[in-house]
Amino acid sequence: MKKNASQYYLPILFFIVIILIWQYLSSRTVVAFWILPSPEEVIQVFKEFPELIWSHMKPTIIESVSGLLLATILGVLTALAMHSSKIIKQIFYPYLVVSQTIPIIAVAPLIVLWFGYGIPAKIFVVVLMCFFPIALGLYDGLKQVSQEQIRLLKSMGASDWKIYRYLKIPASLPAFFTGLKLAATYSVMAAVIGEWLGGNAGLGIYLTRSTKSFRTASVFAAIIVIILLSLAMFGIVALIDRILLSWQYKKIEEYEDISSFN
């Protein structure tokens, strides 16, 4: 119980210490206000411009969620295809890795030419960044399924569909959700990077305009919103993971209780 409690109060305590140090440095003018505004100035941005921040949040949320959903669909289909066919795996796996070696800025002109400056361009960037961890996570999970269990089901007359349904998919879900949670944290950042390519609204646009106007407090406010959105995306996926894999978490908790008792 104490161990579980420490998982909450230690991060909170560390956060409070960071805020106090931040307030001290800004109030004592150790660092200039245009470099490090005080926490009060950042909070004031939220009080004075809530509608402006919300108007930039909405497109970023739409781009992040849409891109993550599309990346999940493509990632699952790709992982299943690579697992079911060695030829498909040999064809697509190298390109799966190459997709993560190309900087977004390098292909920015192509993205603008293909999709323009609208939301589709931002969604494409999100898909490009989130696709890899999802596909790789599920593919690795499928590869790690016990061959002995597969042979046992085949000896009992199970079809390939039933083997996937009752063994491979449930067994690969932990690895899949690990990749999905990683992709969820990437999604907001990817949307912001996509907005840097151009557009009219979005947290990336708001961040760029604030930086060029030397409104450092607004920059910090945008960063805080981006962090909160990323945590929210991660939290939603983690909650789904917790619900679907409740049986696994119960086993882990039982094991930890036994270990702590011993």
Protein backbone atom coordinates (compact mmCIF):
# COMPACT_ATOMS: atom_id res chain seq x y z
CA MET A 1 0.00 0.00 0.00
CA LYS A 2 2.85 2.37 0.89
CA LYS A 3 4.53 1.52 -2.38
CA ASN A 4 1.40 2.45 -4.34
CA ALA A 5 1.02 5.72 -2.41
CA SER A 6 4.60 6.74 -3.17
CA GLN A 7 3.84 6.50 -6.88
CA TYR A 8 1.53 9.50 -6.47
CA TYR A 9 2.94 11.75 -3.76
CA LEU A 10 6.59 11.61 -4.90
CA PRO A 11 5.88 13.03 -8.40
CA ILE A 12 3.52 15.61 -6.86
CA LEU A 13 6.17 16.60 -4.31
CA PHE A 14 8.79 16.92 -7.05
CA PHE A 15 6.38 19.06 -9.12
CA ILE A 16 5.83 21.41 -6.15
CA VAL A 17 9.60 21.76 -5.68
CA ILE A 18 10.00 22.65 -9.39
CA ILE A 19 7.26 25.31 -9.14
CA LEU A 20 8.85 26.83 -6.01
CA ILE A 21 12.28 27.01 -7.67
CA TRP A 22 10.67 28.50 -10.79
CA GLN A 23 8.86 31.13 -8.70
CA TYR A 24 12.03 31.98 -6.77
CA LEU A 25 14.14 32.45 -9.93
CA SER A 26 11.53 34.63 -11.63
CA SER A 27 10.62 36.73 -8.56
CA ARG A 28 14.25 37.42 -7.63
CA THR A 29 15.00 38.45 -11.22
CA VAL A 30 17.79 35.88 -11.33
CA VAL A 31 16.57 35.25 -14.87
CA ALA A 32 15.05 37.99 -17.04
CA PHE A 33 11.22 37.92 -17.30
CA TRP A 34 11.29 37.61 -21.11
CA ILE A 35 13.36 34.42 -20.70
CA LEU A 36 11.61 32.88 -17.70
CA PRO A 37 8.22 34.37 -16.79
CA SER A 38 6.80 33.64 -13.35
CA PRO A 39 4.14 30.95 -12.83
CA GLU A 40 1.67 33.77 -12.06
CA GLU A 41 2.27 35.33 -15.49
CA VAL A 42 1.67 31.99 -17.19
CA ILE A 43 -1.55 31.45 -15.23
CA GLN A 44 -2.62 34.97 -16.21
CA VAL A 45 -2.43 33.95 -19.88
CA PHE A 46 -5.04 31.25 -19.24
CA LYS A 47 -7.24 33.76 -17.41
CA GLU A 48 -7.03 36.48 -20.07
CA PHE A 49 -7.15 34.40 -23.26
CA PRO A 50 -9.12 31.18 -22.58
CA GLU A 51 -11.10 31.42 -25.83
CA LEU A 52 -7.97 32.04 -27.88
CA ILE A 53 -6.20 29.03 -26.38
CA TRP A 54 -9.29 26.85 -26.85
CA SER A 55 -9.62 27.94 -30.49
CA HIS A 56 -6.07 26.69 -31.08
CA MET A 57 -6.58 23.55 -29.01
CA LYS A 58 -9.51 22.23 -31.04
CA PRO A 59 -7.70 21.64 -34.34
CA THR A 60 -4.74 20.09 -32.52
CA ILE A 61 -7.05 17.67 -30.69
CA ILE A 62 -8.83 16.76 -33.94
CA GLU A 63 -5.52 16.16 -35.72
CA SER A 64 -4.06 14.11 -32.85
CA VAL A 65 -7.10 11.86 -32.37
CA SER A 66 -7.76 11.38 -36.09
CA GLY A 67 -4.11 10.67 -36.84
CA LEU A 68 -3.79 8.22 -33.93
CA LEU A 69 -6.93 6.32 -34.95
CA LEU A 70 -5.78 6.11 -38.57
CA ALA A 71 -2.27 5.06 -37.51
CA THR A 72 -3.78 2.37 -35.27
CA ILE A 73 -5.84 0.92 -38.12
CA LEU A 74 -2.90 0.95 -40.53
CA GLY A 75 -0.51 -0.35 -37.88
CA VAL A 76 -2.76 -3.28 -36.93
CA LEU A 77 -3.35 -4.26 -40.56
CA THR A 78 0.37 -4.03 -41.35
CA ALA A 79 1.38 -6.08 -38.30
CA LEU A 80 -1.17 -8.79 -39.08
CA ALA A 81 -0.08 -8.89 -42.72
CA MET A 82 3.63 -9.15 -41.81
CA HIS A 83 2.93 -11.86 -39.25
CA SER A 84 0.79 -13.92 -41.63
CA SER A 85 3.21 -13.78 -44.57
CA LYS A 86 7.02 -13.90 -44.58
CA ILE A 87 7.06 -12.34 -48.05
CA ILE A 88 5.01 -9.34 -46.89
CA LYS A 89 7.26 -9.04 -43.84
CA GLN A 90 10.40 -9.05 -46.00
CA ILE A 91 8.89 -6.39 -48.27
CA PHE A 92 7.42 -3.99 -45.70
CA TYR A 93 9.62 -4.33 -42.60
CA PRO A 94 12.62 -2.40 -44.03
CA TYR A 95 10.31 0.43 -45.12
CA LEU A 96 8.71 0.39 -41.68
CA VAL A 97 12.11 1.15 -40.18
CA VAL A 98 13.03 3.67 -42.90
CA SER A 99 9.83 5.63 -42.15
CA GLN A 100 11.34 6.56 -38.77
CA THR A 101 14.70 7.68 -40.14
CA ILE A 102 13.34 10.50 -42.31
CA PRO A 103 13.05 13.86 -40.51
CA ILE A 104 9.64 15.48 -40.90
CA ILE A 105 11.29 18.77 -41.86
CA ALA A 106 13.03 17.02 -44.76
CA VAL A 107 9.73 15.93 -46.31
CA ALA A 108 7.84 19.10 -45.31
CA PRO A 109 7.78 20.52 -48.87
CA LEU A 110 6.30 17.25 -50.17
CA ILE A 111 3.66 17.18 -47.43
CA VAL A 112 2.62 20.73 -48.31
CA LEU A 113 2.50 19.88 -52.04
CA TRP A 114 0.44 16.73 -51.45
CA PHE A 115 -1.96 17.91 -48.75
CA GLY A 116 -1.68 21.70 -48.63
CA TYR A 117 -1.80 23.61 -45.35
CA GLY A 118 -5.05 22.13 -44.05
CA ILE A 119 -5.82 19.49 -41.43
CA PRO A 120 -5.05 16.50 -43.75
CA ALA A 121 -1.36 17.51 -43.80
CA LYS A 122 -1.23 17.52 -40.00
CA ILE A 123 -3.02 14.17 -39.79
CA PHE A 124 -0.49 12.71 -42.23
CA VAL A 125 2.37 13.85 -39.98
CA VAL A 126 0.67 12.25 -36.94
CA VAL A 127 0.18 8.98 -38.84
CA LEU A 128 3.81 9.04 -39.99
CA MET A 129 5.08 9.37 -36.41
CA CYS A 130 2.58 7.06 -34.67
CA PHE A 131 2.40 4.23 -37.19
CA PHE A 132 5.79 2.66 -36.37
CA PRO A 133 5.42 1.96 -32.60
CA ILE A 134 1.91 0.57 -33.08
CA ALA A 135 2.81 -1.76 -35.95
CA LEU A 136 6.08 -2.88 -34.37
CA GLY A 137 4.49 -3.41 -30.95
CA LEU A 138 1.73 -5.65 -32.27
CA TYR A 139 4.09 -7.52 -34.62
CA ASP A 140 6.55 -8.26 -31.80
CA GLY A 141 3.65 -9.35 -29.58
CA LEU A 142 2.42 -11.79 -32.22
CA LYS A 143 5.93 -13.18 -32.70
CA GLN A 144 6.29 -13.90 -28.98
CA VAL A 145 3.23 -16.16 -28.77
CA SER A 146 4.20 -19.63 -27.52
CA GLN A 147 4.58 -22.13 -30.35
CA GLU A 148 3.68 -24.96 -27.98
CA GLN A 149 0.29 -23.37 -27.31
CA ILE A 150 -0.27 -22.89 -31.05
CA ARG A 151 0.52 -26.56 -31.73
CA LEU A 152 -1.79 -27.58 -28.89
CA LEU A 153 -4.72 -25.64 -30.37
CA LYS A 154 -3.99 -27.05 -33.84
CA SER A 155 -3.99 -30.59 -32.43
CA MET A 156 -7.44 -29.86 -31.02
CA GLY A 157 -8.67 -28.89 -34.49
CA ALA A 158 -8.67 -25.10 -34.04
CA SER A 159 -8.72 -23.06 -37.23
CA ASP A 160 -6.30 -20.20 -37.92
CA TRP A 161 -9.06 -17.70 -37.09
CA LYS A 162 -9.71 -19.32 -33.69
CA ILE A 163 -6.00 -19.42 -32.94
CA TYR A 164 -5.81 -15.69 -33.61
CA ARG A 165 -8.98 -14.98 -31.66
CA TYR A 166 -8.32 -17.07 -28.56
CA LEU A 167 -4.52 -17.08 -28.36
CA LYS A 168 -2.51 -14.76 -30.58
CA ILE A 169 -4.55 -11.56 -30.22
CA PRO A 170 -5.00 -11.78 -26.40
CA ALA A 171 -1.32 -12.71 -25.93
CA SER A 172 -0.10 -9.83 -28.12
CA LEU A 173 -2.28 -7.13 -26.53
CA PRO A 174 0.28 -6.12 -23.82
CA ALA A 175 2.93 -5.40 -26.47
CA PHE A 176 0.34 -3.72 -28.68
CA PHE A 177 -0.77 -1.35 -25.91
CA THR A 178 2.84 -0.55 -25.06
CA GLY A 179 3.32 0.68 -28.63
CA LEU A 180 -0.08 2.41 -28.62
CA LYS A 181 0.68 4.31 -25.41
CA LEU A 182 3.98 5.44 -26.90
CA ALA A 183 2.19 6.54 -30.07
CA ALA A 184 -0.44 8.39 -28.01
CA THR A 185 2.25 10.57 -26.45
CA TYR A 186 3.72 11.21 -29.91
CA SER A 187 0.38 12.19 -31.45
CA VAL A 188 0.05 15.67 -29.93
CA MET A 189 3.70 16.48 -30.56
CA ALA A 190 3.33 15.28 -34.17
CA ALA A 191 0.26 17.47 -34.66
CA VAL A 192 2.18 20.49 -33.34
CA ILE A 193 5.10 19.74 -35.68
CA GLY A 194 2.64 19.44 -38.55
CA GLU A 195 1.19 22.84 -37.66
CA TRP A 196 4.67 24.35 -37.87
CA LEU A 197 4.55 23.59 -41.60
CA GLY A 198 1.83 26.22 -41.93
CA GLY A 199 -1.82 26.85 -41.26
CA ASN A 200 -4.26 29.20 -39.56
CA ALA A 201 -4.92 27.54 -36.20
CA GLY A 202 -3.46 25.03 -33.80
CA LEU A 203 -1.15 25.01 -30.78
CA GLY A 204 1.85 24.86 -33.12
CA ILE A 205 0.66 28.07 -34.81
CA TYR A 206 -0.03 29.69 -31.43
CA LEU A 207 3.42 28.63 -30.21
CA THR A 208 5.13 30.05 -33.29
CA ARG A 209 3.29 33.37 -33.14
CA SER A 210 3.99 33.74 -29.42
CA THR A 211 7.69 33.04 -29.95
CA LYS A 212 8.00 35.59 -32.75
CA SER A 213 6.18 38.17 -30.59
CA PHE A 214 8.47 37.46 -27.60
CA ARG A 215 5.40 36.58 -25.48
CA THR A 216 7.29 34.05 -23.38
CA ALA A 217 4.43 33.54 -20.91
CA SER A 218 2.19 32.51 -23.82
CA VAL A 219 4.89 30.11 -25.01
CA PHE A 220 4.95 28.47 -21.58
CA ALA A 221 1.15 28.33 -21.57
CA ALA A 222 1.16 26.56 -24.94
CA ILE A 223 3.78 24.09 -23.72
CA ILE A 224 1.68 23.32 -20.64
CA VAL A 225 -1.41 22.70 -22.80
CA ILE A 226 0.60 20.40 -25.08
CA ILE A 227 1.87 18.43 -22.07
CA LEU A 228 -1.63 18.12 -20.61
CA LEU A 229 -3.07 16.95 -23.95
CA SER A 230 -0.28 14.39 -24.31
CA LEU A 231 -0.93 13.11 -20.79
CA ALA A 232 -4.66 12.96 -21.54
CA MET A 233 -4.06 10.90 -24.69
CA PHE A 234 -1.74 8.59 -22.79
CA GLY A 235 -4.23 8.32 -19.92
CA ILE A 236 -7.12 7.36 -22.21
CA VAL A 237 -5.09 4.60 -23.87
CA ALA A 238 -3.79 3.43 -20.48
CA LEU A 239 -7.37 3.28 -19.17
CA ILE A 240 -8.48 1.17 -22.14
CA ASP A 241 -5.42 -1.03 -21.57
CA ARG A 242 -6.35 -1.40 -17.91
CA ILE A 243 -9.94 -2.36 -18.74
CA LEU A 244 -9.16 -4.86 -21.51
CA LEU A 245 -6.21 -6.42 -19.68
CA SER A 246 -7.64 -6.31 -16.16
CA TRP A 247 -6.90 -10.02 -15.75
CA GLN A 248 -3.20 -9.45 -16.37
CA TYR A 249 -2.98 -6.53 -13.93
CA LYS A 250 -4.66 -8.64 -11.25
CA LYS A 251 -1.98 -11.30 -11.69
CA ILE A 252 0.76 -8.66 -11.45
CA GLU A 253 -0.76 -7.19 -8.29
CA GLU A 254 -1.10 -10.64 -6.74
CA TYR A 255 2.53 -11.38 -7.57
CA GLU A 256 3.68 -8.07 -6.06
CA ASP A 257 1.66 -8.74 -2.90
CA ILE A 258 3.25 -12.17 -2.53
CA SER A 259 6.72 -10.73 -3.16
CA SER A 260 6.26 -7.95 -0.61
CA PHE A 261 4.92 -10.45 1.93
CA ASN A 262 7.96 -12.66 1.49
